[in-house]
Protein backbone atom coordinates (compact mmCIF):
# COMPACT_ATOMS: atom_id res chain seq x y z
CA MET A 1 9.06 9.01 -39.73
CA ASN A 2 9.45 6.01 -37.45
CA ILE A 3 8.15 6.88 -33.97
CA PHE A 4 11.07 5.03 -32.35
CA LYS A 5 13.64 7.22 -34.11
CA ARG A 6 12.02 10.23 -32.43
CA ALA A 7 12.00 8.43 -29.06
CA LYS A 8 15.72 7.88 -28.62
CA HIS A 9 15.54 8.82 -24.95
CA ILE A 10 13.49 5.70 -24.16
CA ASN A 11 15.48 2.71 -23.00
CA PHE A 12 13.22 -0.27 -23.70
CA ASN A 13 15.45 -2.60 -21.70
CA SER A 14 14.72 -0.67 -18.51
CA TYR A 15 10.94 -1.11 -18.76
CA ALA A 16 9.62 -4.60 -18.10
CA GLY A 17 7.13 -5.58 -20.77
CA PHE A 18 8.00 -2.77 -23.20
CA THR A 19 9.19 -3.74 -26.65
CA LYS A 20 9.20 -1.88 -29.93
CA ASP A 21 6.22 -4.05 -30.91
CA ASN A 22 3.94 -3.10 -28.05
CA PHE A 23 5.11 0.32 -26.85
CA ILE A 24 2.97 3.39 -27.47
CA LEU A 25 4.91 6.62 -27.03
CA GLY A 26 3.84 8.74 -24.11
CA LYS A 27 2.13 8.20 -20.86
CA ASP A 28 -1.24 9.27 -19.54
CA GLU A 29 -0.67 12.44 -17.53
CA THR A 30 -4.36 12.92 -16.67
CA ILE A 31 -4.58 10.19 -14.04
CA THR A 32 -3.60 10.66 -10.41
CA PRO A 33 -1.72 9.97 -8.26
CA LYS A 34 1.54 10.91 -9.94
CA PHE A 35 3.43 9.69 -6.89
CA THR A 36 2.64 7.35 -4.04
CA LYS A 37 4.47 5.58 -1.24
CA ILE A 38 5.29 2.00 -0.35
CA PHE A 39 6.87 1.43 3.07
CA GLY A 40 7.47 5.17 3.34
CA LEU A 41 9.46 5.39 0.09
CA ASN A 42 8.31 7.54 -2.84
CA TYR A 43 7.31 5.86 -6.10
CA ALA A 44 6.36 7.54 -9.37
CA VAL A 45 3.12 6.21 -10.85
CA ASN A 46 3.28 5.94 -14.65
CA ILE A 47 0.40 4.87 -16.88
CA TYR A 48 1.30 3.58 -20.35
CA TYR A 49 -0.88 2.24 -23.14
CA LEU A 50 0.44 -0.91 -24.81
CA LYS A 51 -0.65 -3.57 -27.25
CA ILE A 52 -1.70 -5.95 -24.49
CA GLU A 53 -4.92 -7.79 -23.65
CA LYS A 54 -5.41 -6.82 -20.00
CA PRO A 55 -4.04 -4.29 -17.50
CA GLU A 56 -0.69 -5.04 -15.86
CA LEU A 57 1.31 -3.53 -13.03
CA ASN A 58 5.08 -3.66 -12.87
CA LEU A 59 6.76 -2.53 -9.69
CA GLU A 60 10.30 -1.38 -10.35
CA GLU A 61 12.83 0.62 -8.40
CA ASN A 62 11.08 3.89 -7.54
CA CYS A 63 8.36 3.35 -10.20
CA ILE A 64 4.96 1.75 -10.40
CA ASN A 65 4.30 1.24 -14.10
CA ILE A 66 0.69 0.51 -14.96
CA HIS A 67 0.21 -0.82 -18.47
CA LEU A 68 -3.25 -0.52 -19.99
CA PRO A 69 -4.50 -1.95 -23.29
CA MET A 70 -4.51 0.52 -26.18
CA SER A 71 -8.28 0.09 -26.43
CA PHE A 72 -8.54 1.92 -23.06
CA ARG A 73 -6.69 5.01 -24.36
CA LYS A 74 -9.75 7.20 -25.05
CA LYS A 75 -11.55 6.25 -21.82
CA ASN A 76 -11.48 7.75 -18.36
CA ASN A 77 -9.32 5.21 -16.53
CA GLN A 78 -9.09 6.91 -13.12
CA ASN A 79 -11.33 4.32 -11.39
CA LEU A 80 -9.45 1.46 -13.03
CA VAL A 81 -6.09 2.83 -11.86
CA ASP A 82 -7.50 3.29 -8.34
CA ILE A 83 -8.62 -0.37 -8.35
CA ILE A 84 -5.22 -1.55 -9.62
CA LEU A 85 -3.36 0.43 -6.94
CA ASN A 86 -5.76 -0.85 -4.26
CA LYS A 87 -5.07 -4.44 -5.37
CA MET A 88 -1.34 -3.76 -5.24
CA TYR A 89 -1.58 -2.35 -1.71
CA THR A 90 -3.78 -5.26 -0.62
CA LYS A 91 -1.30 -7.83 -1.97
CA ILE A 92 1.64 -6.12 -0.26
CA ALA A 93 -0.37 -5.74 2.97
CA GLU A 94 -1.35 -9.42 3.01
CA ASN A 95 2.31 -10.40 3.24
CA GLU A 96 3.55 -7.63 5.52
CA VAL A 97 0.62 -7.66 7.95
CA GLU A 98 0.71 -11.46 8.30
CA ASN A 99 4.39 -11.29 9.27
CA ILE A 100 3.79 -8.58 11.87
CA MET A 101 0.65 -10.33 13.19
CA GLU A 102 2.64 -13.53 13.69
CA GLN A 103 5.39 -11.60 15.47
CA ALA A 104 2.80 -9.85 17.68
CA ARG A 105 1.05 -13.17 18.48
CA HIS A 106 4.37 -14.54 19.67
CA GLU A 107 5.28 -11.47 21.74
CA PHE A 108 1.85 -10.82 23.29
CA GLY A 109 0.96 -14.45 23.86
CA PHE A 110 -2.53 -13.93 22.43
CA ALA A 111 -4.09 -13.04 19.11
CA PRO A 112 -7.35 -11.76 17.68
CA GLU A 113 -9.99 -14.33 16.78
CA ASP A 114 -9.81 -12.94 13.27
CA TYR A 115 -8.27 -10.15 11.27
CA GLU A 116 -8.91 -8.87 7.79
CA ILE A 117 -7.36 -6.50 5.31
CA LYS A 118 -10.09 -4.25 4.01
CA LYS A 119 -10.37 -0.66 2.87
CA ILE A 120 -11.77 1.36 5.77
CA PRO A 121 -12.82 4.99 5.24
CA SER A 122 -10.64 7.52 7.09
CA THR A 123 -8.70 5.06 9.24
CA LEU A 124 -5.73 2.73 8.91
CA ALA A 125 -6.82 0.09 11.41
CA ASN A 126 -9.41 -0.66 14.03
CA CYS A 127 -10.11 -3.26 16.66
CA ASN A 128 -13.46 -4.69 17.66
CA LYS A 129 -12.78 -5.81 21.23
CA ASP A 130 -16.18 -7.53 21.52
CA LEU A 131 -15.57 -9.68 18.44
CA GLN A 132 -11.83 -9.91 19.15
CA SER A 133 -11.05 -8.91 15.56
CA ILE A 134 -8.75 -6.40 13.88
CA THR A 135 -9.30 -4.74 10.51
CA ILE A 136 -6.32 -3.30 8.63
CA ASN A 137 -6.63 -0.84 5.74
CA PRO A 138 -4.38 -1.98 2.84
CA TYR A 139 -3.14 1.61 2.49
CA ILE A 140 -1.22 1.07 5.73
CA VAL A 141 1.68 -0.10 3.52
CA MET A 142 2.19 3.48 2.38
CA TYR A 143 3.90 4.04 5.74
CA SER A 144 7.22 2.78 7.04
CA LYS A 145 7.46 -0.72 8.46
CA GLN A 146 8.08 0.80 11.89
CA ILE A 147 4.78 2.70 11.70
CA ILE A 148 2.92 -0.39 10.42
CA GLU A 149 4.25 -2.45 13.33
CA TYR A 150 3.32 0.28 15.79
CA ILE A 151 -0.27 0.50 14.49
CA ILE A 152 -0.75 -3.28 14.60
CA TYR A 153 0.67 -3.49 18.11
CA HIS A 154 -1.61 -0.58 19.08
CA GLU A 155 -4.60 -2.62 17.87
CA PHE A 156 -3.35 -5.70 19.75
CA CYS A 157 -3.37 -3.63 22.94
CA HIS A 158 -7.01 -2.77 22.20
CA LEU A 159 -7.81 -6.48 22.36
CA LYS A 160 -7.10 -6.17 26.11
CA TYR A 161 -8.05 -2.54 26.75
CA LYS A 162 -10.86 -0.84 24.85
CA ASN A 163 -9.85 2.71 25.84
CA HIS A 164 -6.56 4.57 25.80
CA SER A 165 -6.11 4.10 29.53
CA LYS A 166 -2.87 4.12 31.50
CA LYS A 167 -2.86 0.30 31.38
CA PHE A 168 -3.27 0.43 27.61
CA TYR A 169 -0.25 2.73 27.20
CA ASP A 170 1.80 0.74 29.72
CA MET A 171 1.20 -2.38 27.64
CA LEU A 172 2.02 -0.57 24.39
CA LYS A 173 5.23 0.83 25.90
CA LYS A 174 6.29 -2.67 26.94
CA TYR A 175 6.30 -3.80 23.29
CA ILE A 176 7.05 -0.49 21.51
CA PRO A 177 9.16 1.54 23.98
CA ASN A 178 9.45 4.51 21.60
CA TYR A 179 5.76 4.53 20.61
CA GLU A 180 5.40 8.24 21.44
CA ASN A 181 8.04 9.20 18.86
CA ILE A 182 6.43 6.98 16.24
CA ALA A 183 2.95 8.40 16.97
CA LYS A 184 4.32 11.92 16.40
CA GLN A 185 5.21 10.91 12.83
CA ILE A 186 1.52 10.22 12.07
CA PRO A 187 -0.40 12.82 14.10
CA ASN A 188 -3.43 13.19 11.82
CA LEU A 189 -4.14 9.53 11.14
CA LYS A 190 -6.87 7.47 12.75
CA TYR A 191 -6.12 3.97 13.98
């Protein structure tokens, strides 16, 4: 029996890159995460095996579809999927963080000597006041744009004040008046 006759529920037009020639029925349910966030919105993570040469990622409304070559089907692809998602977050962060950094430069009237987007264990961002640099974890884009802006502005304030002093919070309040409410949304995160 033709596999596509049994798969009537699949709408090939709704999946970028899927055709009857390259689609393999089913998705890999063994790989995590099943869901993730981008800008605070939930996205399902789906892994499909296709007749393709190299891995692909298609970001669609509420779905992150990762397409892997059929030759990968019998392998443990957890690390590969983690790398693909990290690259996706890094690419999104490069655009979003640059926009917020430019906005912050304009508002504060100063900027770090350098900033980088780099995976940092257990923290979303940090500032090295001595080097005048800021490091942003690409996974910051899992949070809402309001939270991302707050964290970057928080790090900008650390360029002037190393500690969480009254002057530090006065400066932060000047640029993010509702910072306390935003901070309550992320109580267990380090930045």
